[in-house]
Amino acid sequence: MPDEKILELFSVANALSLSALLVATLLSVTIYRRLADFVARKLPKWRFQILGSVPILRLIAWLLATLIAVFGVLKPPQESLIAVAASLGLALGLAIQDIVKNVLAGIVMIFQRPLTVGDMVSAGGHYGEVVGMDLMAIRLRTFDDSIVTIPNALACQEALLNSNSGSVHELVKVEFTVLGDVDVAQVTRLASEAAACSPYVFLKSPIFVIVEDRTERRRATRFTVKAYVIDVRLERAMATDVFTRITRTVALPDTLVMDVA
């Protein structure tokens, strides 16, 4: 009789039910992801929260589908269930240790939320916007429009720099050095005004200018303009615009403006 119960697990009815469950789960996850993308474009202020819900729903959907498949469709005997679980556990422990590490790290990251889709982060030696998160890896889009995939386990093991932590606004630094003697107060004022004129700067947050003496063989003064960008995706556009405005305003005869960061 146990053999008959095992054969029932591979019946045509069960195969059709599992296929329907698989298609329904894939369809549900895909529809929700596309709907989230559409709503995020319409409501950019809330895109971090909207897109951040996609990996959570994907995890819940597949866990629910697995439970339905095992206990609702297959309904294996308890002895078989225990034996299969033990075998699968042993196989996972020996053959796919790295995958298990990434999955566990992904689950921890989903609920701990050190980052979310849309954040600007530095991980694995790469810096860019988080465009995707799943149980295996994080996907970053760098400023040269490359997609970098970073395993979750690696992201959990290393220091993770998050520049905006779910906010649309991000602090951006624009650094430049003026060579020769210079009126520090005047350059500071002009640099602050140049940043305030940029259409990419979020003016409701303060603009700071930090001054450092970098004199070595020749007189040099380093200025760092700190301001918030209106949208993290415009970080490099803001840095370029502010730097361009500063070079037009601050550059004086016998001086040189250089080093944008």
Protein backbone atom coordinates (compact mmCIF):
# COMPACT_ATOMS: atom_id res chain seq x y z
CA MET A 1 0.00 0.00 0.00
CA PRO A 2 2.77 2.50 0.66
CA ASP A 3 3.93 1.93 -2.93
CA GLU A 4 0.48 2.83 -4.20
CA LYS A 5 0.49 6.06 -2.20
CA ILE A 6 3.85 6.98 -3.65
CA LEU A 7 2.63 6.28 -7.20
CA GLU A 8 -0.36 8.55 -6.56
CA LEU A 9 2.08 11.44 -6.08
CA PHE A 10 3.05 11.17 -9.77
CA SER A 11 -0.47 10.91 -11.12
CA VAL A 12 -1.65 12.97 -14.09
CA ALA A 13 -4.04 14.93 -11.86
CA ASN A 14 -1.23 15.95 -9.52
CA ALA A 15 1.01 16.90 -12.45
CA LEU A 16 -1.71 19.14 -13.89
CA SER A 17 -2.40 20.70 -10.50
CA LEU A 18 1.29 21.43 -9.91
CA SER A 19 1.64 22.91 -13.40
CA ALA A 20 -1.36 25.15 -12.82
CA LEU A 21 0.05 26.21 -9.44
CA LEU A 22 3.43 27.01 -10.99
CA VAL A 23 1.87 29.08 -13.79
CA ALA A 24 -0.42 30.90 -11.34
CA THR A 25 2.49 31.78 -9.05
CA LEU A 26 4.70 33.00 -11.90
CA LEU A 27 1.82 35.01 -13.31
CA SER A 28 0.97 36.58 -9.96
CA VAL A 29 4.58 37.58 -9.24
CA THR A 30 5.05 38.99 -12.76
CA ILE A 31 1.81 40.96 -12.69
CA TYR A 32 2.61 42.43 -9.28
CA ARG A 33 6.16 43.39 -10.37
CA ARG A 34 4.90 45.14 -13.51
CA LEU A 35 2.11 46.82 -11.56
CA ALA A 36 4.66 48.02 -8.99
CA ASP A 37 6.88 49.40 -11.77
CA PHE A 38 3.90 51.23 -13.29
CA VAL A 39 2.76 52.72 -9.97
CA ALA A 40 6.35 53.65 -9.04
CA ARG A 41 6.67 55.66 -12.26
CA LYS A 42 3.40 57.45 -11.53
CA LEU A 43 4.32 58.08 -7.87
CA PRO A 44 8.11 58.63 -7.87
CA LYS A 45 8.05 59.93 -4.31
CA TRP A 46 6.91 56.50 -3.08
CA ARG A 47 8.87 54.33 -5.50
CA PHE A 48 11.23 53.02 -2.79
CA GLN A 49 8.36 51.66 -0.70
CA ILE A 50 6.49 50.34 -3.75
CA LEU A 51 9.46 48.61 -5.40
CA GLY A 52 10.74 47.41 -2.03
CA SER A 53 7.58 45.34 -1.59
CA VAL A 54 8.33 43.24 -4.70
CA PRO A 55 10.95 40.90 -3.16
CA ILE A 56 8.78 40.47 -0.05
CA LEU A 57 5.74 39.46 -2.10
CA ARG A 58 7.89 37.16 -4.28
CA LEU A 59 9.18 35.35 -1.18
CA ILE A 60 5.70 35.00 0.29
CA ALA A 61 4.23 33.81 -3.03
CA TRP A 62 6.78 31.02 -3.53
CA LEU A 63 6.63 29.89 0.09
CA LEU A 64 2.84 29.74 -0.13
CA ALA A 65 3.01 27.88 -3.46
CA THR A 66 5.42 25.33 -1.96
CA LEU A 67 3.16 24.72 1.03
CA ILE A 68 0.11 24.30 -1.23
CA ALA A 69 2.01 21.92 -3.52
CA VAL A 70 3.21 19.71 -0.66
CA PHE A 71 0.23 19.71 1.70
CA GLY A 72 -2.61 20.58 -0.68
CA VAL A 73 -1.77 18.68 -3.85
CA LEU A 74 0.78 15.92 -3.20
CA LYS A 75 -0.20 15.09 0.41
CA PRO A 76 2.64 12.60 0.85
CA PRO A 77 2.61 10.04 3.69
CA GLN A 78 4.28 11.27 6.86
CA GLU A 79 7.05 8.69 6.58
CA SER A 80 7.83 9.74 3.01
CA LEU A 81 7.71 13.41 3.96
CA ILE A 82 10.23 12.92 6.74
CA ALA A 83 12.52 10.83 4.54
CA VAL A 84 12.38 13.34 1.67
CA ALA A 85 12.97 16.26 4.02
CA ALA A 86 16.01 14.55 5.52
CA SER A 87 17.43 13.71 2.09
CA LEU A 88 16.85 17.21 0.77
CA GLY A 89 18.44 18.72 3.87
CA LEU A 90 21.54 16.61 3.44
CA ALA A 91 21.77 17.38 -0.28
CA LEU A 92 21.36 21.11 0.29
CA GLY A 93 23.96 21.10 3.04
CA LEU A 94 26.57 19.34 0.90
CA ALA A 95 25.91 20.47 -2.65
CA ILE A 96 24.59 24.03 -2.51
CA GLN A 97 26.16 25.64 0.53
CA ASP A 98 26.78 28.91 -1.30
CA ILE A 99 23.18 29.04 -2.53
CA VAL A 100 21.88 28.41 0.98
CA LYS A 101 24.13 31.18 2.32
CA ASN A 102 22.81 33.62 -0.29
CA VAL A 103 19.19 32.63 0.32
CA LEU A 104 19.50 32.97 4.09
CA ALA A 105 21.31 36.29 3.68
CA GLY A 106 18.57 37.42 1.28
CA ILE A 107 15.84 36.57 3.79
CA VAL A 108 17.71 38.44 6.53
CA MET A 109 18.15 41.48 4.26
CA ILE A 110 14.48 41.51 3.26
CA PHE A 111 13.35 41.84 6.86
CA GLN A 112 16.33 43.77 8.26
CA ARG A 113 16.17 46.13 5.26
CA PRO A 114 19.69 47.64 5.17
CA LEU A 115 18.77 48.74 1.66
CA THR A 116 15.84 48.78 -0.72
CA VAL A 117 15.22 49.11 -4.45
CA GLY A 118 16.14 52.64 -5.52
CA ASP A 119 18.87 53.19 -2.93
CA MET A 120 22.33 54.34 -4.00
CA VAL A 121 24.75 51.90 -2.38
CA SER A 122 28.37 50.84 -2.47
CA ALA A 123 28.82 47.07 -2.22
CA GLY A 124 31.41 44.61 -3.44
CA GLY A 125 33.58 47.45 -4.70
CA HIS A 126 30.80 48.85 -6.90
CA TYR A 127 28.59 51.92 -6.53
CA GLY A 128 25.19 52.41 -8.11
CA GLU A 129 21.40 52.28 -7.81
CA VAL A 130 19.75 49.13 -6.48
CA VAL A 131 17.47 48.02 -9.32
CA GLY A 132 16.66 44.54 -8.08
CA MET A 133 16.73 42.32 -4.99
CA ASP A 134 15.91 38.66 -4.70
CA LEU A 135 16.87 35.69 -2.54
CA MET A 136 20.17 35.19 -4.35
CA ALA A 137 21.67 38.58 -5.18
CA ILE A 138 21.45 42.35 -5.36
CA ARG A 139 21.58 44.06 -8.76
CA LEU A 140 23.15 47.50 -9.08
CA ARG A 141 23.04 49.86 -12.07
CA THR A 142 26.29 51.83 -12.13
CA PHE A 143 26.72 55.27 -13.67
CA ASP A 144 28.14 53.75 -16.86
CA ASP A 145 24.79 51.89 -17.20
CA SER A 146 26.21 48.48 -16.33
CA ILE A 147 24.28 45.98 -14.22
CA VAL A 148 26.39 44.46 -11.44
CA THR A 149 25.11 41.36 -9.59
CA ILE A 150 26.38 40.99 -6.03
CA PRO A 151 25.63 37.79 -4.04
CA ASN A 152 23.65 38.44 -0.87
CA ALA A 153 26.18 36.59 1.27
CA LEU A 154 28.96 38.91 0.06
CA ALA A 155 26.85 41.99 0.74
CA CYS A 156 26.20 40.79 4.30
CA GLN A 157 29.87 40.03 4.98
CA GLU A 158 31.25 43.40 3.84
CA ALA A 159 30.54 46.97 4.89
CA LEU A 160 27.52 48.27 2.98
CA LEU A 161 27.38 52.01 2.23
CA ASN A 162 23.85 53.35 1.72
CA SER A 163 23.81 56.96 0.54
CA ASN A 164 20.09 57.71 0.91
CA SER A 165 18.43 54.87 2.89
CA GLY A 166 15.08 54.94 1.12
CA SER A 167 14.93 58.72 0.64
CA VAL A 168 14.58 60.40 -2.75
CA HIS A 169 17.16 63.00 -1.65
CA GLU A 170 20.86 62.29 -1.21
CA LEU A 171 23.83 64.34 -0.03
CA VAL A 172 26.23 64.92 -2.92
CA LYS A 173 29.78 66.25 -2.61
CA VAL A 174 31.47 68.39 -5.28
CA GLU A 175 35.16 68.93 -4.58
CA PHE A 176 37.49 71.35 -6.33
CA THR A 177 40.92 72.83 -5.66
CA VAL A 178 41.95 76.41 -6.36
CA LEU A 179 45.68 76.96 -6.87
CA GLY A 180 47.40 80.15 -5.80
CA ASP A 181 46.30 82.86 -3.39
CA VAL A 182 42.54 83.17 -3.15
CA ASP A 183 39.91 85.02 -1.17
CA VAL A 184 38.48 82.05 0.75
CA ALA A 185 35.35 83.89 1.91
CA GLN A 186 34.55 85.04 -1.62
CA VAL A 187 35.08 81.62 -3.19
CA THR A 188 32.98 80.00 -0.45
CA ARG A 189 30.13 82.42 -1.11
CA LEU A 190 30.35 82.03 -4.89
CA ALA A 191 30.46 78.23 -4.65
CA SER A 192 27.40 78.21 -2.39
CA GLU A 193 25.52 80.50 -4.77
CA ALA A 194 26.53 78.39 -7.77
CA ALA A 195 25.12 75.28 -6.07
CA ALA A 196 21.91 77.12 -5.13
CA CYS A 197 21.37 78.03 -8.81
CA SER A 198 21.51 74.40 -9.97
CA PRO A 199 18.08 72.99 -10.92
CA TYR A 200 19.15 69.62 -9.47
CA VAL A 201 19.77 70.87 -5.92
CA PHE A 202 17.09 70.35 -3.26
CA LEU A 203 16.93 73.85 -1.82
CA LYS A 204 14.88 72.94 1.26
CA SER A 205 18.04 71.35 2.70
CA PRO A 206 21.08 73.47 3.60
CA ILE A 207 24.13 73.87 1.38
CA PHE A 208 27.54 73.60 3.07
CA VAL A 209 31.01 74.56 1.85
CA ILE A 210 34.01 73.06 3.65
CA VAL A 211 37.49 74.57 3.19
CA GLU A 212 40.82 72.77 3.63
CA ASP A 213 44.39 73.92 3.11
CA ARG A 214 46.13 71.55 0.67
CA THR A 215 49.35 73.52 0.20
CA GLU A 216 52.42 71.44 -0.64
CA ARG A 217 54.86 72.81 -3.21
CA ARG A 218 52.34 75.41 -4.30
CA ARG A 219 49.57 77.25 -2.50
CA ALA A 220 46.34 75.24 -2.86
CA THR A 221 42.93 75.37 -1.19
CA ARG A 222 40.42 72.51 -1.36
CA PHE A 223 36.71 73.40 -1.32
CA THR A 224 33.97 70.80 -0.82
CA VAL A 225 30.40 71.78 -1.65
CA LYS A 226 27.79 69.59 0.05
CA ALA A 227 24.16 69.79 -1.10
CA TYR A 228 21.19 67.45 -1.48
CA VAL A 229 20.01 66.34 -4.91
CA ILE A 230 16.29 66.39 -5.74
CA ASP A 231 16.42 62.76 -6.92
CA VAL A 232 19.18 60.21 -6.32
CA ARG A 233 19.15 59.25 -10.00
CA LEU A 234 20.36 62.77 -10.83
CA GLU A 235 23.41 62.55 -8.58
CA ARG A 236 26.02 62.76 -11.36
CA ALA A 237 23.98 65.31 -13.31
CA MET A 238 23.92 67.54 -10.24
CA ALA A 239 27.65 67.11 -9.55
CA THR A 240 28.48 67.99 -13.16
CA ASP A 241 26.13 70.99 -13.24
CA VAL A 242 27.38 72.40 -9.94
CA PHE A 243 31.02 71.91 -10.93
CA THR A 244 30.42 73.63 -14.29
CA ARG A 245 28.76 76.61 -12.60
CA ILE A 246 31.61 76.84 -10.07
CA THR A 247 34.28 76.85 -12.78
CA ARG A 248 32.50 79.71 -14.54
CA THR A 249 32.13 81.71 -11.33
CA VAL A 250 35.19 80.91 -9.24
CA ALA A 251 38.01 80.45 -11.78
CA LEU A 252 40.27 83.50 -11.57
CA PRO A 253 43.45 84.48 -13.44
CA ASP A 254 46.52 82.48 -12.30
CA THR A 255 44.32 79.88 -10.60
CA LEU A 256 43.11 76.46 -11.69
CA VAL A 257 39.92 74.64 -10.70
CA MET A 258 40.19 70.85 -10.78
CA ASP A 259 39.20 67.54 -9.17
CA VAL A 260 35.46 66.87 -9.20
CA ALA A 261 34.32 63.94 -7.04
